[in-house]
Amino acid sequence: MPFTRLQPWVYLLAGVIPIALVVTVGDALPNVIGLPVAILATVWAGVMVTIHWKRLDEAARQAHRWAWYWGGSLGLGAAFLAAAIAMKAPGGLGWMSSLAAPFLPTDLPHEQSYLFAGIILTVLAQMGGFLLAWLWWWARRR
């Protein structure tokens, strides 16, 4: 069956693209359509990531485990540190919210925009940490 002969990265990409589309154009959709589309995209991404994981060899799985543990942990620590600094900074949390503004819905109350900005920036910090740790893991073993 050709579907099972695809490289693991194809499944990962097939899971990420619908999520990226929902994030970028989902705000333009009415809530009646946007919410089911977001749920469907999330379920689809879960299925594709599961297939991606099953298609990986043991070395690639180990690289992912190591990168999520170290990179994700360091990214979470960096996000915590950034939030702690932002709370004491003269501008307050406004700069964090402005960093995440392209990803935030425009109709959120002020307090909710801070919450979503914190979530988005934490996820981005963890993903950035993962990517750096993953690259480090492979660079040390090649």
N, C-alpha and C. Protein backbone atom coordinates (compact mmCIF):
# COMPACT_ATOMS: atom_id res chain seq x y z
N MET A 1 0.84 -1.17 0.00
CA MET A 1 0.00 0.00 0.00
C MET A 1 0.90 1.24 0.00
N PRO A 2 0.70 2.18 -0.92
CA PRO A 2 1.58 3.35 -1.02
C PRO A 2 1.52 4.26 0.20
N PHE A 3 0.39 4.30 0.89
CA PHE A 3 0.24 5.18 2.04
C PHE A 3 1.23 4.83 3.15
N THR A 4 1.56 3.57 3.29
CA THR A 4 2.48 3.15 4.34
C THR A 4 3.93 3.24 3.92
N ARG A 5 4.23 3.55 2.68
CA ARG A 5 5.60 3.64 2.21
C ARG A 5 6.16 5.06 2.29
N LEU A 6 5.37 5.97 2.75
CA LEU A 6 5.83 7.36 2.84
C LEU A 6 6.85 7.51 3.97
N GLN A 7 7.72 8.51 3.83
CA GLN A 7 8.70 8.81 4.87
C GLN A 7 7.98 9.38 6.10
N PRO A 8 8.55 9.20 7.30
CA PRO A 8 7.89 9.71 8.51
C PRO A 8 7.64 11.21 8.49
N TRP A 9 8.54 11.99 7.90
CA TRP A 9 8.37 13.44 7.89
C TRP A 9 7.14 13.87 7.09
N VAL A 10 6.70 13.04 6.15
CA VAL A 10 5.51 13.36 5.36
C VAL A 10 4.27 13.38 6.26
N TYR A 11 4.20 12.41 7.16
CA TYR A 11 3.06 12.34 8.08
C TYR A 11 3.08 13.53 9.05
N LEU A 12 4.27 13.91 9.51
CA LEU A 12 4.39 15.05 10.39
C LEU A 12 3.92 16.32 9.69
N LEU A 13 4.36 16.50 8.47
CA LEU A 13 3.95 17.67 7.69
C LEU A 13 2.44 17.65 7.43
N ALA A 14 1.90 16.48 7.14
CA ALA A 14 0.46 16.36 6.89
C ALA A 14 -0.36 16.68 8.14
N GLY A 15 0.23 16.52 9.32
CA GLY A 15 -0.46 16.88 10.54
C GLY A 15 -0.32 18.34 10.90
N VAL A 16 0.82 18.93 10.56
CA VAL A 16 1.10 20.32 10.94
C VAL A 16 0.40 21.33 10.02
N ILE A 17 0.29 21.02 8.75
CA ILE A 17 -0.28 21.98 7.79
C ILE A 17 -1.72 22.38 8.16
N PRO A 18 -2.63 21.45 8.46
CA PRO A 18 -3.99 21.90 8.83
C PRO A 18 -4.01 22.76 10.09
N ILE A 19 -3.15 22.44 11.06
CA ILE A 19 -3.09 23.26 12.27
C ILE A 19 -2.60 24.66 11.92
N ALA A 20 -1.57 24.75 11.09
CA ALA A 20 -1.05 26.06 10.68
C ALA A 20 -2.11 26.87 9.95
N LEU A 21 -2.90 26.20 9.12
CA LEU A 21 -3.97 26.90 8.40
C LEU A 21 -5.03 27.42 9.36
N VAL A 22 -5.40 26.61 10.34
CA VAL A 22 -6.40 27.05 11.32
C VAL A 22 -5.88 28.24 12.11
N VAL A 23 -4.60 28.21 12.47
CA VAL A 23 -4.02 29.32 13.23
C VAL A 23 -3.98 30.59 12.40
N THR A 24 -3.64 30.47 11.13
CA THR A 24 -3.47 31.67 10.31
C THR A 24 -4.79 32.22 9.76
N VAL A 25 -5.71 31.39 9.33
CA VAL A 25 -6.96 31.88 8.74
C VAL A 25 -8.19 31.55 9.56
N GLY A 26 -8.01 30.88 10.69
CA GLY A 26 -9.16 30.48 11.50
C GLY A 26 -9.93 31.64 12.09
N ASP A 27 -9.26 32.76 12.31
CA ASP A 27 -9.93 33.93 12.87
C ASP A 27 -10.97 34.50 11.91
N ALA A 28 -10.77 34.28 10.62
CA ALA A 28 -11.71 34.79 9.62
C ALA A 28 -12.98 33.94 9.53
N LEU A 29 -12.93 32.72 10.03
CA LEU A 29 -14.08 31.83 9.97
C LEU A 29 -15.07 32.15 11.10
N PRO A 30 -16.37 32.01 10.83
CA PRO A 30 -17.33 32.18 11.91
C PRO A 30 -17.14 31.06 12.95
N ASN A 31 -17.50 31.34 14.19
CA ASN A 31 -17.31 30.36 15.27
C ASN A 31 -18.01 29.03 15.00
N VAL A 32 -19.16 29.08 14.33
CA VAL A 32 -19.91 27.86 14.04
C VAL A 32 -19.09 26.91 13.16
N ILE A 33 -18.28 27.47 12.29
CA ILE A 33 -17.45 26.67 11.39
C ILE A 33 -16.04 26.52 11.97
N GLY A 34 -15.51 27.58 12.56
CA GLY A 34 -14.13 27.59 13.03
C GLY A 34 -13.84 26.57 14.11
N LEU A 35 -14.74 26.43 15.09
CA LEU A 35 -14.51 25.49 16.18
C LEU A 35 -14.48 24.04 15.70
N PRO A 36 -15.47 23.57 14.91
CA PRO A 36 -15.37 22.20 14.40
C PRO A 36 -14.15 21.97 13.51
N VAL A 37 -13.78 22.96 12.72
CA VAL A 37 -12.59 22.83 11.87
C VAL A 37 -11.34 22.71 12.74
N ALA A 38 -11.25 23.50 13.81
CA ALA A 38 -10.10 23.43 14.72
C ALA A 38 -10.04 22.08 15.41
N ILE A 39 -11.19 21.57 15.84
CA ILE A 39 -11.22 20.25 16.48
C ILE A 39 -10.81 19.17 15.49
N LEU A 40 -11.34 19.22 14.29
CA LEU A 40 -10.99 18.24 13.26
C LEU A 40 -9.50 18.31 12.92
N ALA A 41 -8.96 19.51 12.79
CA ALA A 41 -7.54 19.66 12.48
C ALA A 41 -6.68 19.10 13.61
N THR A 42 -7.11 19.28 14.86
CA THR A 42 -6.36 18.76 16.00
C THR A 42 -6.39 17.23 16.03
N VAL A 43 -7.54 16.65 15.79
CA VAL A 43 -7.64 15.18 15.74
C VAL A 43 -6.80 14.64 14.59
N TRP A 44 -6.90 15.26 13.43
CA TRP A 44 -6.10 14.85 12.26
C TRP A 44 -4.60 14.91 12.59
N ALA A 45 -4.19 16.00 13.24
CA ALA A 45 -2.77 16.15 13.62
C ALA A 45 -2.35 15.04 14.57
N GLY A 46 -3.21 14.69 15.51
CA GLY A 46 -2.90 13.60 16.44
C GLY A 46 -2.70 12.27 15.73
N VAL A 47 -3.57 11.99 14.78
CA VAL A 47 -3.45 10.74 14.01
C VAL A 47 -2.16 10.75 13.18
N MET A 48 -1.88 11.85 12.52
CA MET A 48 -0.68 11.93 11.67
C MET A 48 0.61 11.85 12.50
N VAL A 49 0.62 12.49 13.67
CA VAL A 49 1.80 12.42 14.52
C VAL A 49 1.99 11.00 15.06
N THR A 50 0.91 10.30 15.35
CA THR A 50 1.02 8.91 15.80
C THR A 50 1.61 8.04 14.70
N ILE A 51 1.16 8.21 13.48
CA ILE A 51 1.72 7.44 12.36
C ILE A 51 3.18 7.83 12.16
N HIS A 52 3.49 9.11 12.26
CA HIS A 52 4.87 9.58 12.16
C HIS A 52 5.76 8.86 13.18
N TRP A 53 5.30 8.79 14.43
CA TRP A 53 6.07 8.16 15.50
C TRP A 53 6.29 6.68 15.22
N LYS A 54 5.28 6.01 14.74
CA LYS A 54 5.40 4.57 14.46
C LYS A 54 6.33 4.29 13.29
N ARG A 55 6.47 5.25 12.38
CA ARG A 55 7.35 5.05 11.22
C ARG A 55 8.81 5.37 11.50
N LEU A 56 9.10 6.02 12.63
CA LEU A 56 10.47 6.38 12.97
C LEU A 56 11.28 5.16 13.41
N ASP A 57 12.58 5.19 13.12
CA ASP A 57 13.45 4.14 13.65
C ASP A 57 13.83 4.50 15.09
N GLU A 58 14.54 3.59 15.76
CA GLU A 58 14.83 3.79 17.18
C GLU A 58 15.74 4.99 17.44
N ALA A 59 16.69 5.26 16.56
CA ALA A 59 17.57 6.42 16.75
C ALA A 59 16.77 7.72 16.68
N ALA A 60 15.87 7.83 15.74
CA ALA A 60 15.05 9.04 15.61
C ALA A 60 14.11 9.19 16.81
N ARG A 61 13.59 8.07 17.30
CA ARG A 61 12.74 8.14 18.49
C ARG A 61 13.53 8.63 19.69
N GLN A 62 14.74 8.12 19.83
CA GLN A 62 15.59 8.54 20.95
C GLN A 62 15.92 10.03 20.84
N ALA A 63 16.18 10.51 19.62
CA ALA A 63 16.45 11.93 19.42
C ALA A 63 15.25 12.77 19.85
N HIS A 64 14.05 12.34 19.51
CA HIS A 64 12.83 13.06 19.90
C HIS A 64 12.66 13.06 21.42
N ARG A 65 12.85 11.89 22.04
CA ARG A 65 12.70 11.82 23.50
C ARG A 65 13.68 12.77 24.19
N TRP A 66 14.94 12.69 23.78
CA TRP A 66 15.98 13.51 24.39
C TRP A 66 15.69 14.99 24.17
N ALA A 67 15.32 15.35 22.96
CA ALA A 67 15.07 16.75 22.62
C ALA A 67 13.85 17.30 23.37
N TRP A 68 12.80 16.49 23.51
CA TRP A 68 11.64 17.00 24.24
C TRP A 68 11.95 17.14 25.71
N TYR A 69 12.72 16.21 26.26
CA TYR A 69 13.05 16.33 27.68
C TYR A 69 13.92 17.55 27.93
N TRP A 70 15.07 17.63 27.27
CA TRP A 70 16.00 18.71 27.53
C TRP A 70 15.58 20.03 26.87
N GLY A 71 15.25 19.99 25.61
CA GLY A 71 14.87 21.21 24.92
C GLY A 71 13.56 21.78 25.40
N GLY A 72 12.57 20.90 25.58
CA GLY A 72 11.28 21.37 26.06
C GLY A 72 11.36 21.91 27.48
N SER A 73 12.17 21.25 28.32
CA SER A 73 12.34 21.73 29.70
C SER A 73 13.04 23.07 29.74
N LEU A 74 14.11 23.21 28.95
CA LEU A 74 14.82 24.49 28.92
C LEU A 74 13.94 25.59 28.31
N GLY A 75 13.16 25.25 27.30
CA GLY A 75 12.23 26.22 26.72
C GLY A 75 11.18 26.67 27.72
N LEU A 76 10.68 25.72 28.52
CA LEU A 76 9.72 26.07 29.55
C LEU A 76 10.35 26.97 30.60
N GLY A 77 11.59 26.65 30.96
CA GLY A 77 12.31 27.50 31.91
C GLY A 77 12.53 28.90 31.36
N ALA A 78 12.86 29.00 30.07
CA ALA A 78 13.06 30.31 29.44
C ALA A 78 11.75 31.09 29.42
N ALA A 79 10.65 30.42 29.14
CA ALA A 79 9.35 31.11 29.14
C ALA A 79 9.00 31.60 30.54
N PHE A 80 9.29 30.80 31.55
CA PHE A 80 9.03 31.21 32.93
C PHE A 80 9.87 32.42 33.30
N LEU A 81 11.15 32.38 32.93
CA LEU A 81 12.04 33.49 33.21
C LEU A 81 11.58 34.76 32.49
N ALA A 82 11.18 34.63 31.23
CA ALA A 82 10.69 35.78 30.47
C ALA A 82 9.44 36.37 31.12
N ALA A 83 8.54 35.52 31.59
CA ALA A 83 7.33 36.00 32.25
C ALA A 83 7.66 36.69 33.56
N ALA A 84 8.61 36.13 34.32
CA ALA A 84 9.00 36.75 35.59
C ALA A 84 9.64 38.12 35.35
N ILE A 85 10.49 38.21 34.34
CA ILE A 85 11.12 39.50 34.00
C ILE A 85 10.07 40.48 33.50
N ALA A 86 9.14 40.00 32.67
CA ALA A 86 8.12 40.88 32.11
C ALA A 86 7.23 41.48 33.20
N MET A 87 6.97 40.71 34.25
CA MET A 87 6.12 41.23 35.32
C MET A 87 6.80 42.36 36.08
N LYS A 88 8.14 42.35 36.10
CA LYS A 88 8.88 43.39 36.83
C LYS A 88 9.35 44.52 35.91
N ALA A 89 9.22 44.33 34.59
CA ALA A 89 9.70 45.33 33.64
C ALA A 89 8.79 46.56 33.67
N PRO A 90 9.34 47.73 33.30
CA PRO A 90 8.53 48.96 33.30
C PRO A 90 7.28 48.86 32.42
N GLY A 91 7.38 48.22 31.28
CA GLY A 91 6.23 48.11 30.38
C GLY A 91 5.26 47.02 30.79
N GLY A 92 5.60 46.25 31.80
CA GLY A 92 4.74 45.16 32.26
C GLY A 92 4.65 44.05 31.23
N LEU A 93 3.52 43.44 31.16
CA LEU A 93 3.31 42.30 30.26
C LEU A 93 2.95 42.72 28.84
N GLY A 94 2.86 44.00 28.59
CA GLY A 94 2.45 44.49 27.27
C GLY A 94 3.35 44.02 26.15
N TRP A 95 4.66 43.96 26.37
CA TRP A 95 5.58 43.54 25.30
C TRP A 95 5.38 42.07 24.95
N MET A 96 5.03 41.23 25.95
CA MET A 96 4.77 39.82 25.65
C MET A 96 3.51 39.69 24.80
N SER A 97 2.51 40.47 25.15
CA SER A 97 1.27 40.44 24.38
C SER A 97 1.49 40.94 22.96
N SER A 98 2.34 41.95 22.80
CA SER A 98 2.60 42.47 21.46
C SER A 98 3.41 41.47 20.62
N LEU A 99 4.27 40.67 21.27
CA LEU A 99 5.01 39.63 20.54
C LEU A 99 4.06 38.57 19.98
N ALA A 100 3.06 38.22 20.76
CA ALA A 100 2.13 37.17 20.36
C ALA A 100 0.93 37.72 19.59
N ALA A 101 0.85 39.02 19.38
CA ALA A 101 -0.31 39.65 18.74
C ALA A 101 -0.69 39.03 17.40
N PRO A 102 0.27 38.66 16.53
CA PRO A 102 -0.15 38.08 15.25
C PRO A 102 -0.93 36.76 15.40
N PHE A 103 -0.78 36.09 16.52
CA PHE A 103 -1.43 34.80 16.73
C PHE A 103 -2.72 34.91 17.53
N LEU A 104 -3.01 36.09 18.04
CA LEU A 104 -4.15 36.26 18.94
C LEU A 104 -5.39 36.73 18.19
N PRO A 105 -6.57 36.22 18.59
CA PRO A 105 -7.81 36.76 18.04
C PRO A 105 -7.93 38.24 18.42
N THR A 106 -8.52 39.02 17.54
CA THR A 106 -8.57 40.48 17.75
C THR A 106 -9.65 40.90 18.74
N ASP A 107 -10.61 40.05 19.04
CA ASP A 107 -11.73 40.46 19.89
C ASP A 107 -11.60 40.02 21.35
N LEU A 108 -10.38 39.68 21.80
CA LEU A 108 -10.20 39.24 23.18
C LEU A 108 -10.14 40.43 24.14
N PRO A 109 -10.73 40.26 25.33
CA PRO A 109 -10.51 41.28 26.36
C PRO A 109 -9.02 41.32 26.74
N HIS A 110 -8.60 42.41 27.35
CA HIS A 110 -7.20 42.66 27.67
C HIS A 110 -6.58 41.52 28.50
N GLU A 111 -7.26 41.06 29.54
CA GLU A 111 -6.72 40.02 30.41
C GLU A 111 -6.55 38.70 29.66
N GLN A 112 -7.50 38.37 28.83
CA GLN A 112 -7.40 37.12 28.06
C GLN A 112 -6.27 37.18 27.05
N SER A 113 -5.99 38.35 26.51
CA SER A 113 -4.89 38.44 25.56
C SER A 113 -3.57 38.13 26.26
N TYR A 114 -3.41 38.53 27.52
CA TYR A 114 -2.21 38.18 28.27
C TYR A 114 -2.12 36.68 28.48
N LEU A 115 -3.24 36.06 28.80
CA LEU A 115 -3.26 34.61 29.01
C LEU A 115 -2.86 33.88 27.74
N PHE A 116 -3.49 34.22 26.63
CA PHE A 116 -3.18 33.55 25.37
C PHE A 116 -1.77 33.87 24.90
N ALA A 117 -1.31 35.07 25.14
CA ALA A 117 0.07 35.43 24.78
C ALA A 117 1.04 34.56 25.56
N GLY A 118 0.78 34.36 26.84
CA GLY A 118 1.64 33.51 27.65
C GLY A 118 1.65 32.07 27.17
N ILE A 119 0.48 31.56 26.81
CA ILE A 119 0.39 30.19 26.31
C ILE A 119 1.16 30.07 24.99
N ILE A 120 0.92 30.98 24.08
CA ILE A 120 1.57 30.93 22.77
C ILE A 120 3.08 31.05 22.90
N LEU A 121 3.55 32.00 23.70
CA LEU A 121 4.99 32.18 23.84
C LEU A 121 5.64 31.01 24.57
N THR A 122 4.93 30.38 25.50
CA THR A 122 5.46 29.19 26.16
C THR A 122 5.59 28.04 25.18
N VAL A 123 4.57 27.82 24.38
CA VAL A 123 4.63 26.75 23.38
C VAL A 123 5.75 27.01 22.38
N LEU A 124 5.87 28.25 21.93
CA LEU A 124 6.95 28.58 20.99
C LEU A 124 8.32 28.39 21.62
N ALA A 125 8.48 28.75 22.89
CA ALA A 125 9.76 28.55 23.57
C ALA A 125 10.08 27.07 23.70
N GLN A 126 9.07 26.25 24.04
CA GLN A 126 9.31 24.80 24.15
C GLN A 126 9.63 24.20 22.78
N MET A 127 8.93 24.62 21.75
CA MET A 127 9.21 24.09 20.42
C MET A 127 10.59 24.53 19.93
N GLY A 128 10.97 25.77 20.22
CA GLY A 128 12.30 26.24 19.86
C GLY A 128 13.38 25.48 20.61
N GLY A 129 13.16 25.24 21.90
CA GLY A 129 14.10 24.45 22.68
C GLY A 129 14.21 23.04 22.15
N PHE A 130 13.07 22.45 21.79
CA PHE A 130 13.08 21.10 21.20
C PHE A 130 13.90 21.08 19.93
N LEU A 131 13.65 22.03 19.05
CA LEU A 131 14.36 22.06 17.76
C LEU A 131 15.86 22.19 17.96
N LEU A 132 16.28 23.09 18.83
CA LEU A 132 17.72 23.26 19.09
C LEU A 132 18.32 21.98 19.70
N ALA A 133 17.62 21.37 20.65
CA ALA A 133 18.13 20.14 21.27
C ALA A 133 18.15 18.99 20.27
N TRP A 134 17.17 18.93 19.40
CA TRP A 134 17.12 17.87 18.39
C TRP A 134 18.29 18.01 17.43
N LEU A 135 18.54 19.23 16.98
CA LEU A 135 19.68 19.48 16.10
C LEU A 135 20.99 19.16 16.81
N TRP A 136 21.11 19.52 18.08
CA TRP A 136 22.30 19.22 18.87
C TRP A 136 22.51 17.71 18.96
N TRP A 137 21.44 16.97 19.24
CA TRP A 137 21.53 15.51 19.38
C TRP A 137 22.07 14.88 18.10
N TRP A 138 21.51 15.27 16.96
CA TRP A 138 21.95 14.70 15.68
C TRP A 138 23.36 15.16 15.31
N ALA A 139 23.71 16.40 15.63
CA ALA A 139 25.05 16.91 15.30
C ALA A 139 26.12 16.16 16.09
N ARG A 140 25.82 15.79 17.31
CA ARG A 140 26.79 15.07 18.13
C ARG A 140 26.96 13.62 17.69
N ARG A 141 26.02 13.08 16.97
CA ARG A 141 26.07 11.66 16.60
C ARG A 141 26.37 11.43 15.13
N ARG A 142 26.63 12.47 14.37
CA ARG A 142 26.93 12.31 12.93
C ARG A 142 28.38 12.52 12.67
